[in-house]
Amino acid sequence: ATILACTVVIGLVPTDVLKGSGAPMAEAAGR
């Protein structure tokens, strides 16, 4: 569950945004 979710988030959010996000999974879902 963890690997799947983390890998998906990297594929949904640009790296420059992801680096500073305090809630990256919520950021991915919102996009």
PDB file of all heavy atoms in Angstrom:
ATOM      1  N   ALA A   1       0.826  -1.208   0.000  1.00  0.00           N
ATOM      2  CA  ALA A   1       0.000   0.000   0.000  1.00  0.00           C
ATOM      3  C   ALA A   1       0.862   1.260   0.000  1.00  0.00           C
ATOM      4  O   ALA A   1       0.574   2.237  -0.714  1.00  0.00           O
ATOM      5  CB  ALA A   1      -0.927  -0.007   1.213  1.00  0.00           C
ATOM      6  N   THR A   2       1.937   1.246   0.768  1.00  0.00           N
ATOM      7  CA  THR A   2       2.792   2.426   0.889  1.00  0.00           C
ATOM      8  C   THR A   2       3.551   2.715  -0.403  1.00  0.00           C
ATOM      9  O   THR A   2       3.591   3.851  -0.883  1.00  0.00           O
ATOM     10  CB  THR A   2       3.787   2.231   2.043  1.00  0.00           C
ATOM     11  OG1 THR A   2       3.062   2.059   3.257  1.00  0.00           O
ATOM     12  CG2 THR A   2       4.704   3.438   2.177  1.00  0.00           C
ATOM     13  N   ILE A   3       4.171   1.689  -0.978  1.00  0.00           N
ATOM     14  CA  ILE A   3       4.949   1.886  -2.206  1.00  0.00           C
ATOM     15  C   ILE A   3       4.056   2.356  -3.346  1.00  0.00           C
ATOM     16  O   ILE A   3       4.402   3.269  -4.106  1.00  0.00           O
ATOM     17  CB  ILE A   3       5.685   0.582  -2.583  1.00  0.00           C
ATOM     18  CG1 ILE A   3       6.760   0.277  -1.541  1.00  0.00           C
ATOM     19  CG2 ILE A   3       6.311   0.696  -3.970  1.00  0.00           C
ATOM     20  CD1 ILE A   3       7.430  -1.068  -1.745  1.00  0.00           C
ATOM     21  N   LEU A   4       2.893   1.733  -3.468  1.00  0.00           N
ATOM     22  CA  LEU A   4       1.968   2.114  -4.534  1.00  0.00           C
ATOM     23  C   LEU A   4       1.561   3.578  -4.404  1.00  0.00           C
ATOM     24  O   LEU A   4       1.629   4.351  -5.376  1.00  0.00           O
ATOM     25  CB  LEU A   4       0.723   1.215  -4.477  1.00  0.00           C
ATOM     26  CG  LEU A   4      -0.392   1.517  -5.487  1.00  0.00           C
ATOM     27  CD1 LEU A   4       0.114   1.334  -6.912  1.00  0.00           C
ATOM     28  CD2 LEU A   4      -1.599   0.625  -5.223  1.00  0.00           C
ATOM     29  N   ALA A   5       1.167   3.984  -3.209  1.00  0.00           N
ATOM     30  CA  ALA A   5       0.693   5.351  -3.010  1.00  0.00           C
ATOM     31  C   ALA A   5       1.803   6.379  -3.227  1.00  0.00           C
ATOM     32  O   ALA A   5       1.596   7.399  -3.891  1.00  0.00           O
ATOM     33  CB  ALA A   5       0.106   5.492  -1.601  1.00  0.00           C
ATOM     34  N   CYS A   6       2.984   6.124  -2.683  1.00  0.00           N
ATOM     35  CA  CYS A   6       4.091   7.093  -2.824  1.00  0.00           C
ATOM     36  C   CYS A   6       4.539   7.244  -4.272  1.00  0.00           C
ATOM     37  O   CYS A   6       4.833   8.351  -4.736  1.00  0.00           O
ATOM     38  CB  CYS A   6       5.276   6.663  -1.954  1.00  0.00           C
ATOM     39  SG  CYS A   6       5.019   6.923  -0.180  1.00  0.00           S
ATOM     40  N   THR A   7       4.596   6.142  -4.997  1.00  0.00           N
ATOM     41  CA  THR A   7       5.028   6.179  -6.392  1.00  0.00           C
ATOM     42  C   THR A   7       4.018   6.933  -7.258  1.00  0.00           C
ATOM     43  O   THR A   7       4.382   7.698  -8.157  1.00  0.00           O
ATOM     44  CB  THR A   7       5.216   4.752  -6.929  1.00  0.00           C
ATOM     45  OG1 THR A   7       6.131   4.051  -6.096  1.00  0.00           O
ATOM     46  CG2 THR A   7       5.758   4.770  -8.345  1.00  0.00           C
ATOM     47  N   VAL A   8       2.741   6.734  -6.967  1.00  0.00           N
ATOM     48  CA  VAL A   8       1.689   7.433  -7.704  1.00  0.00           C
ATOM     49  C   VAL A   8       1.782   8.943  -7.476  1.00  0.00           C
ATOM     50  O   VAL A   8       1.640   9.741  -8.411  1.00  0.00           O
ATOM     51  CB  VAL A   8       0.307   6.892  -7.288  1.00  0.00           C
ATOM     52  CG1 VAL A   8      -0.791   7.851  -7.726  1.00  0.00           C
ATOM     53  CG2 VAL A   8       0.067   5.523  -7.903  1.00  0.00           C
ATOM     54  N   VAL A   9       2.029   9.356  -6.242  1.00  0.00           N
ATOM     55  CA  VAL A   9       2.114  10.785  -5.936  1.00  0.00           C
ATOM     56  C   VAL A   9       3.235  11.455  -6.730  1.00  0.00           C
ATOM     57  O   VAL A   9       3.073  12.554  -7.265  1.00  0.00           O
ATOM     58  CB  VAL A   9       2.324  11.003  -4.423  1.00  0.00           C
ATOM     59  CG1 VAL A   9       2.665  12.462  -4.130  1.00  0.00           C
ATOM     60  CG2 VAL A   9       1.078  10.601  -3.658  1.00  0.00           C
ATOM     61  N   ILE A  10       4.397  10.782  -6.829  1.00  0.00           N
ATOM     62  CA  ILE A  10       5.517  11.333  -7.597  1.00  0.00           C
ATOM     63  C   ILE A  10       5.130  11.513  -9.066  1.00  0.00           C
ATOM     64  O   ILE A  10       5.603  12.423  -9.742  1.00  0.00           O
ATOM     65  CB  ILE A  10       6.756  10.428  -7.462  1.00  0.00           C
ATOM     66  CG1 ILE A  10       7.278  10.488  -6.018  1.00  0.00           C
ATOM     67  CG2 ILE A  10       7.858  10.831  -8.433  1.00  0.00           C
ATOM     68  CD1 ILE A  10       8.436   9.553  -5.742  1.00  0.00           C
ATOM     69  N   GLY A  11       4.257  10.639  -9.563  1.00  0.00           N
ATOM     70  CA  GLY A  11       3.825  10.721 -10.948  1.00  0.00           C
ATOM     71  C   GLY A  11       2.705  11.712 -11.192  1.00  0.00           C
ATOM     72  O   GLY A  11       2.319  11.959 -12.337  1.00  0.00           O
ATOM     73  N   LEU A  12       2.155  12.309 -10.125  1.00  0.00           N
ATOM     74  CA  LEU A  12       1.045  13.247 -10.276  1.00  0.00           C
ATOM     75  C   LEU A  12       1.433  14.696 -10.022  1.00  0.00           C
ATOM     76  O   LEU A  12       0.756  15.614 -10.511  1.00  0.00           O
ATOM     77  CB  LEU A  12      -0.089  12.865  -9.304  1.00  0.00           C
ATOM     78  CG  LEU A  12      -0.842  11.563  -9.592  1.00  0.00           C
ATOM     79  CD1 LEU A  12      -1.817  11.260  -8.464  1.00  0.00           C
ATOM     80  CD2 LEU A  12      -1.582  11.642 -10.923  1.00  0.00           C
ATOM     81  N   VAL A  13       2.501  14.921  -9.259  1.00  0.00           N
ATOM     82  CA  VAL A  13       2.860  16.273  -8.845  1.00  0.00           C
ATOM     83  C   VAL A  13       4.257  16.614  -9.357  1.00  0.00           C
ATOM     84  O   VAL A  13       5.187  15.815  -9.195  1.00  0.00           O
ATOM     85  CB  VAL A  13       2.833  16.403  -7.307  1.00  0.00           C
ATOM     86  CG1 VAL A  13       3.137  17.838  -6.873  1.00  0.00           C
ATOM     87  CG2 VAL A  13       1.475  15.962  -6.763  1.00  0.00           C
ATOM     88  N   PRO A  14       4.445  17.789  -9.971  1.00  0.00           N
ATOM     89  CA  PRO A  14       5.781  18.192 -10.426  1.00  0.00           C
ATOM     90  C   PRO A  14       6.769  18.227  -9.269  1.00  0.00           C
ATOM     91  O   PRO A  14       6.414  18.561  -8.133  1.00  0.00           O
ATOM     92  CB  PRO A  14       5.548  19.605 -10.991  1.00  0.00           C
ATOM     93  CG  PRO A  14       4.097  19.642 -11.343  1.00  0.00           C
ATOM     94  CD  PRO A  14       3.410  18.783 -10.336  1.00  0.00           C
ATOM     95  N   THR A  15       8.015  17.906  -9.557  1.00  0.00           N
ATOM     96  CA  THR A  15       9.036  17.791  -8.518  1.00  0.00           C
ATOM     97  C   THR A  15       9.224  19.071  -7.734  1.00  0.00           C
ATOM     98  O   THR A  15       9.360  19.052  -6.504  1.00  0.00           O
ATOM     99  CB  THR A  15      10.380  17.380  -9.151  1.00  0.00           C
ATOM    100  OG1 THR A  15      10.220  16.119  -9.804  1.00  0.00           O
ATOM    101  CG2 THR A  15      11.451  17.256  -8.086  1.00  0.00           C
ATOM    102  N   ASP A  16       9.225  20.218  -8.416  1.00  0.00           N
ATOM    103  CA  ASP A  16       9.466  21.480  -7.713  1.00  0.00           C
ATOM    104  C   ASP A  16       8.359  21.799  -6.716  1.00  0.00           C
ATOM    105  O   ASP A  16       8.594  22.425  -5.678  1.00  0.00           O
ATOM    106  CB  ASP A  16       9.631  22.624  -8.710  1.00  0.00           C
ATOM    107  CG  ASP A  16       8.432  22.768  -9.646  1.00  0.00           C
ATOM    108  OD1 ASP A  16       7.695  21.780  -9.814  1.00  0.00           O
ATOM    109  OD2 ASP A  16       8.237  23.858 -10.196  1.00  0.00           O
ATOM    110  N   VAL A  17       7.129  21.357  -7.000  1.00  0.00           N
ATOM    111  CA  VAL A  17       6.009  21.558  -6.072  1.00  0.00           C
ATOM    112  C   VAL A  17       6.077  20.542  -4.936  1.00  0.00           C
ATOM    113  O   VAL A  17       5.848  20.855  -3.776  1.00  0.00           O
ATOM    114  CB  VAL A  17       4.664  21.433  -6.805  1.00  0.00           C
ATOM    115  CG1 VAL A  17       3.494  21.528  -5.826  1.00  0.00           C
ATOM    116  CG2 VAL A  17       4.549  22.502  -7.882  1.00  0.00           C
ATOM    117  N   LEU A  18       6.432  19.313  -5.295  1.00  0.00           N
ATOM    118  CA  LEU A  18       6.437  18.217  -4.336  1.00  0.00           C
ATOM    119  C   LEU A  18       7.461  18.432  -3.223  1.00  0.00           C
ATOM    120  O   LEU A  18       7.215  18.086  -2.064  1.00  0.00           O
ATOM    121  CB  LEU A  18       6.742  16.910  -5.076  1.00  0.00           C
ATOM    122  CG  LEU A  18       6.385  15.584  -4.382  1.00  0.00           C
ATOM    123  CD1 LEU A  18       4.914  15.540  -4.019  1.00  0.00           C
ATOM    124  CD2 LEU A  18       6.746  14.417  -5.298  1.00  0.00           C
ATOM    125  N   LYS A  19       8.601  19.012  -3.557  1.00  0.00           N
ATOM    126  CA  LYS A  19       9.695  19.179  -2.590  1.00  0.00           C
ATOM    127  C   LYS A  19       9.277  19.939  -1.339  1.00  0.00           C
ATOM    128  O   LYS A  19       9.741  19.636  -0.237  1.00  0.00           O
ATOM    129  CB  LYS A  19      10.877  19.905  -3.244  1.00  0.00           C
ATOM    130  CG  LYS A  19      11.667  19.069  -4.222  1.00  0.00           C
ATOM    131  CD  LYS A  19      12.802  19.892  -4.824  1.00  0.00           C
ATOM    132  CE  LYS A  19      13.601  19.088  -5.835  1.00  0.00           C
ATOM    133  NZ  LYS A  19      14.690  19.892  -6.445  1.00  0.00           N
ATOM    134  N   GLY A  20       8.406  20.934  -1.492  1.00  0.00           N
ATOM    135  CA  GLY A  20       8.046  21.768  -0.353  1.00  0.00           C
ATOM    136  C   GLY A  20       6.657  21.528   0.191  1.00  0.00           C
ATOM    137  O   GLY A  20       6.194  22.284   1.037  1.00  0.00           O
ATOM    138  N   SER A  21       5.994  20.484  -0.275  1.00  0.00           N
ATOM    139  CA  SER A  21       4.609  20.240   0.131  1.00  0.00           C
ATOM    140  C   SER A  21       4.539  19.581   1.502  1.00  0.00           C
ATOM    141  O   SER A  21       5.193  18.569   1.755  1.00  0.00           O
ATOM    142  CB  SER A  21       3.902  19.368  -0.908  1.00  0.00           C
ATOM    143  OG  SER A  21       2.588  19.054  -0.475  1.00  0.00           O
ATOM    144  N   GLY A  22       3.714  20.124   2.384  1.00  0.00           N
ATOM    145  CA  GLY A  22       3.505  19.518   3.698  1.00  0.00           C
ATOM    146  C   GLY A  22       2.464  18.425   3.672  1.00  0.00           C
ATOM    147  O   GLY A  22       2.324  17.683   4.641  1.00  0.00           O
ATOM    148  N   ALA A  23       1.712  18.311   2.573  1.00  0.00           N
ATOM    149  CA  ALA A  23       0.697  17.267   2.424  1.00  0.00           C
ATOM    150  C   ALA A  23       0.697  16.809   0.968  1.00  0.00           C
ATOM    151  O   ALA A  23      -0.252  17.084   0.212  1.00  0.00           O
ATOM    152  CB  ALA A  23      -0.674  17.793   2.836  1.00  0.00           C
ATOM    153  N   PRO A  24       1.756  16.110   0.517  1.00  0.00           N
ATOM    154  CA  PRO A  24       1.898  15.793  -0.911  1.00  0.00           C
ATOM    155  C   PRO A  24       0.794  14.902  -1.470  1.00  0.00           C
ATOM    156  O   PRO A  24       0.410  15.067  -2.628  1.00  0.00           O
ATOM    157  CB  PRO A  24       3.263  15.092  -0.982  1.00  0.00           C
ATOM    158  CG  PRO A  24       3.584  14.678   0.412  1.00  0.00           C
ATOM    159  CD  PRO A  24       2.919  15.671   1.294  1.00  0.00           C
ATOM    160  N   MET A  25       0.260  13.984  -0.675  1.00  0.00           N
ATOM    161  CA  MET A  25      -0.799  13.134  -1.201  1.00  0.00           C
ATOM    162  C   MET A  25      -2.087  13.920  -1.425  1.00  0.00           C
ATOM    163  O   MET A  25      -2.791  13.721  -2.427  1.00  0.00           O
ATOM    164  CB  MET A  25      -1.056  11.951  -0.270  1.00  0.00           C
ATOM    165  CG  MET A  25      -1.994  10.911  -0.864  1.00  0.00           C
ATOM    166  SD  MET A  25      -2.092   9.410   0.124  1.00  0.00           S
ATOM    167  CE  MET A  25      -0.455   8.729  -0.164  1.00  0.00           C
ATOM    168  N   ALA A  26      -2.399  14.827  -0.516  1.00  0.00           N
ATOM    169  CA  ALA A  26      -3.565  15.686  -0.708  1.00  0.00           C
ATOM    170  C   ALA A  26      -3.361  16.600  -1.914  1.00  0.00           C
ATOM    171  O   ALA A  26      -4.299  16.864  -2.677  1.00  0.00           O
ATOM    172  CB  ALA A  26      -3.814  16.511   0.554  1.00  0.00           C
ATOM    173  N   GLU A  27      -2.132  17.073  -2.093  1.00  0.00           N
ATOM    174  CA  GLU A  27      -1.800  17.894  -3.264  1.00  0.00           C
ATOM    175  C   GLU A  27      -2.050  17.118  -4.548  1.00  0.00           C
ATOM    176  O   GLU A  27      -2.637  17.646  -5.509  1.00  0.00           O
ATOM    177  CB  GLU A  27      -0.333  18.313  -3.179  1.00  0.00           C
ATOM    178  CG  GLU A  27       0.180  19.087  -4.373  1.00  0.00           C
ATOM    179  CD  GLU A  27      -0.233  20.533  -4.386  1.00  0.00           C
ATOM    180  OE1 GLU A  27      -0.439  21.094  -3.298  1.00  0.00           O
ATOM    181  OE2 GLU A  27      -0.376  21.088  -5.489  1.00  0.00           O
ATOM    182  N   ALA A  28      -1.635  15.847  -4.580  1.00  0.00           N
ATOM    183  CA  ALA A  28      -1.831  15.012  -5.763  1.00  0.00           C
ATOM    184  C   ALA A  28      -3.307  14.778  -6.029  1.00  0.00           C
ATOM    185  O   ALA A  28      -3.775  14.883  -7.174  1.00  0.00           O
ATOM    186  CB  ALA A  28      -1.105  13.676  -5.577  1.00  0.00           C
ATOM    187  N   ALA A  29      -4.064  14.463  -4.988  1.00  0.00           N
ATOM    188  CA  ALA A  29      -5.498  14.222  -5.155  1.00  0.00           C
ATOM    189  C   ALA A  29      -6.215  15.468  -5.649  1.00  0.00           C
ATOM    190  O   ALA A  29      -7.120  15.394  -6.487  1.00  0.00           O
ATOM    191  CB  ALA A  29      -6.095  13.747  -3.829  1.00  0.00           C
ATOM    192  N   GLY A  30      -5.823  16.640  -5.156  1.00  0.00           N
ATOM    193  CA  GLY A  30      -6.447  17.877  -5.577  1.00  0.00           C
ATOM    194  C   GLY A  30      -6.211  18.179  -7.044  1.00  0.00           C
ATOM    195  O   GLY A  30      -7.090  18.709  -7.725  1.00  0.00           O
ATOM    196  N   ARG A  31      -5.034  17.832  -7.559  1.00  0.00           N
ATOM    197  CA  ARG A  31      -4.725  18.082  -8.960  1.00  0.00           C
ATOM    198  C   ARG A  31      -5.545  17.202  -9.895  1.00  0.00           C
ATOM    199  O   ARG A  31      -5.848  17.592 -11.024  1.00  0.00           O
ATOM    200  CB  ARG A  31      -3.235  17.845  -9.219  1.00  0.00           C
ATOM    201  CG  ARG A  31      -2.341  18.941  -8.660  1.00  0.00           C
ATOM    202  CD  ARG A  31      -0.870  18.597  -8.782  1.00  0.00           C
ATOM    203  NE  ARG A  31      -0.052  19.737  -8.365  1.00  0.00           N
ATOM    204  CZ  ARG A  31       0.412  20.675  -9.182  1.00  0.00           C
ATOM    205  NH1 ARG A  31       0.170  20.589 -10.485  1.00  0.00           N
ATOM    206  NH2 ARG A  31       1.124  21.677  -8.729  1.00  0.00           N
TER     207      ARG A  31
END
